Amino acid sequence: MFLKLFSLFLIIPLVEIYLLVKIGGIIGAFNTVLVILITASLGAYLTKIQGFRVLRQIQDATRQGYMPGNELLHGLFVLIGGFALLTPGFLTDAIGFSMLIPQIREIYVGIAKGIIRKKIEQGNFQMRMYTDFR
């Protein structure tokens, strides 16, 4: 797991730097910075809208009396998408925007549910509750 995370945190910034330099060479440094600022602003706005929509869905689910598992996963991916859009770069922007589109986010949720289901079936998923309730 450590090697996967290390590779991820090494490869993504290298790809982002490469893309920023290449695209900056094509459209110019000022335009590249402008695009990054616009995508960050647009991303923050879309994250706010999608976040409130998911929050409403979570509230509706709990009001109807069922555990909002799907909705919580959607909320997680909206959060990750928002962070990705605030990170400067074209690759993270593409990933972030894809997580803010509900139809595409459904694919991410399906993949996450599959991974969770697989870990539960293999016995690799443990849940612990730490509370002060007595």
Protein backbone atom coordinates (compact mmCIF):
# COMPACT_ATOMS: atom_id res chain seq x y z
CA MET A 1 0.00 0.00 0.00
CA PHE A 2 2.84 2.38 0.86
CA LEU A 3 4.46 1.81 -2.53
CA LYS A 4 1.16 2.53 -4.33
CA LEU A 5 0.63 5.79 -2.44
CA PHE A 6 4.26 6.81 -2.88
CA SER A 7 4.01 6.18 -6.63
CA LEU A 8 0.75 8.11 -6.79
CA PHE A 9 2.21 11.12 -4.98
CA LEU A 10 5.27 11.00 -7.19
CA ILE A 11 3.69 10.37 -10.60
CA ILE A 12 0.77 12.83 -10.44
CA PRO A 13 2.91 15.92 -9.67
CA LEU A 14 5.38 14.94 -12.40
CA VAL A 15 2.57 14.59 -14.94
CA GLU A 16 1.07 17.91 -13.78
CA ILE A 17 4.40 19.74 -14.16
CA TYR A 18 4.89 18.22 -17.61
CA LEU A 19 1.41 19.26 -18.72
CA LEU A 20 1.77 22.76 -17.29
CA VAL A 21 5.07 23.28 -19.12
CA LYS A 22 3.78 21.83 -22.42
CA ILE A 23 0.46 23.68 -22.38
CA GLY A 24 2.16 26.84 -21.13
CA GLY A 25 4.50 26.65 -24.12
CA ILE A 26 1.53 26.43 -26.45
CA ILE A 27 -0.89 29.00 -25.00
CA GLY A 28 1.55 31.10 -22.98
CA ALA A 29 2.31 31.45 -19.28
CA PHE A 30 -0.31 34.12 -18.58
CA ASN A 31 -3.10 32.15 -20.26
CA THR A 32 -2.06 29.00 -18.42
CA VAL A 33 -2.28 30.77 -15.05
CA LEU A 34 -5.60 32.29 -16.11
CA VAL A 35 -7.03 28.88 -17.02
CA ILE A 36 -5.88 27.47 -13.67
CA LEU A 37 -7.54 30.34 -11.77
CA ILE A 38 -10.77 30.01 -13.77
CA THR A 39 -10.98 26.24 -13.23
CA ALA A 40 -10.32 26.68 -9.50
CA SER A 41 -13.10 29.29 -9.24
CA LEU A 42 -15.53 27.28 -11.33
CA GLY A 43 -14.61 24.17 -9.37
CA ALA A 44 -15.30 25.86 -6.04
CA TYR A 45 -18.69 27.01 -7.30
CA LEU A 46 -19.64 23.56 -8.67
CA THR A 47 -18.40 21.87 -5.50
CA LYS A 48 -20.64 24.11 -3.43
CA ILE A 49 -23.69 23.36 -5.59
CA GLN A 50 -23.08 19.60 -5.72
CA GLY A 51 -22.18 19.48 -2.03
CA PHE A 52 -25.49 21.07 -1.01
CA ARG A 53 -27.36 18.75 -3.39
CA VAL A 54 -25.73 15.67 -1.83
CA LEU A 55 -26.34 17.03 1.66
CA ARG A 56 -30.05 17.38 0.82
CA GLN A 57 -30.09 13.79 -0.45
CA ILE A 58 -28.46 12.60 2.80
CA GLN A 59 -31.07 14.47 4.82
CA ASP A 60 -33.89 13.02 2.71
CA ALA A 61 -32.54 9.50 3.17
CA THR A 62 -32.28 9.81 6.94
CA ARG A 63 -35.72 11.42 7.08
CA GLN A 64 -37.10 8.38 5.24
CA GLY A 65 -35.39 6.13 7.78
CA TYR A 66 -32.61 4.44 5.85
CA MET A 67 -28.82 4.63 6.03
CA PRO A 68 -27.57 7.01 3.31
CA GLY A 69 -24.59 4.88 2.19
CA ASN A 70 -24.80 5.79 -1.49
CA GLU A 71 -25.28 9.45 -0.69
CA LEU A 72 -22.28 9.45 1.68
CA LEU A 73 -20.09 8.00 -1.07
CA HIS A 74 -21.34 10.71 -3.44
CA GLY A 75 -20.44 13.28 -0.79
CA LEU A 76 -16.95 11.80 -0.45
CA PHE A 77 -16.36 12.06 -4.19
CA VAL A 78 -17.68 15.64 -4.30
CA LEU A 79 -15.18 16.48 -1.55
CA ILE A 80 -12.32 14.75 -3.37
CA GLY A 81 -13.34 16.44 -6.63
CA GLY A 82 -13.35 19.83 -4.94
CA PHE A 83 -9.86 19.28 -3.55
CA ALA A 84 -8.65 18.09 -6.95
CA LEU A 85 -9.99 21.26 -8.60
CA LEU A 86 -8.25 23.48 -6.08
CA THR A 87 -4.95 21.75 -6.86
CA PRO A 88 -3.27 23.55 -9.76
CA GLY A 89 -2.95 21.38 -12.84
CA PHE A 90 -4.81 20.03 -15.81
CA LEU A 91 -4.92 16.35 -14.87
CA THR A 92 -6.33 17.01 -11.40
CA ASP A 93 -8.83 19.46 -12.92
CA ALA A 94 -10.08 16.79 -15.32
CA ILE A 95 -10.40 14.29 -12.46
CA GLY A 96 -12.07 16.88 -10.23
CA PHE A 97 -14.62 17.97 -12.82
CA SER A 98 -15.46 14.34 -13.57
CA MET A 99 -16.26 13.81 -9.89
CA LEU A 100 -18.65 16.76 -9.88
CA ILE A 101 -20.80 15.46 -12.74
CA PRO A 102 -23.44 13.24 -11.08
CA GLN A 103 -23.64 10.70 -13.91
CA ILE A 104 -19.87 10.20 -14.01
CA ARG A 105 -19.64 10.30 -10.21
CA GLU A 106 -22.01 7.32 -10.19
CA ILE A 107 -19.23 5.32 -11.91
CA TYR A 108 -16.78 6.27 -9.13
CA VAL A 109 -19.37 5.28 -6.50
CA GLY A 110 -19.92 1.93 -8.24
CA ILE A 111 -16.18 1.24 -8.27
CA ALA A 112 -15.88 2.20 -4.59
CA LYS A 113 -18.80 -0.05 -3.65
CA GLY A 114 -17.18 -2.91 -5.56
CA ILE A 115 -13.88 -2.43 -3.72
CA ILE A 116 -15.64 -2.25 -0.35
CA ARG A 117 -17.74 -5.33 -1.15
CA LYS A 118 -14.62 -7.26 -2.20
CA LYS A 119 -12.75 -6.32 0.98
CA ILE A 120 -15.72 -7.36 3.13
CA GLU A 121 -16.00 -10.73 1.34
CA GLN A 122 -12.26 -11.36 1.76
CA GLY A 123 -12.40 -10.41 5.42
CA ASN A 124 -9.96 -7.52 4.93
CA PHE A 125 -12.43 -4.87 6.03
CA GLN A 126 -12.82 -4.21 9.72
CA MET A 127 -15.01 -1.67 11.38
CA ARG A 128 -14.49 -0.44 14.89
CA MET A 129 -16.53 2.01 16.86
CA TYR A 130 -14.96 4.11 19.52
CA THR A 131 -17.61 5.82 21.60
CA ASP A 132 -18.19 7.00 25.11
CA PHE A 133 -21.66 5.44 25.22
CA ARG A 134 -22.16 3.09 28.14
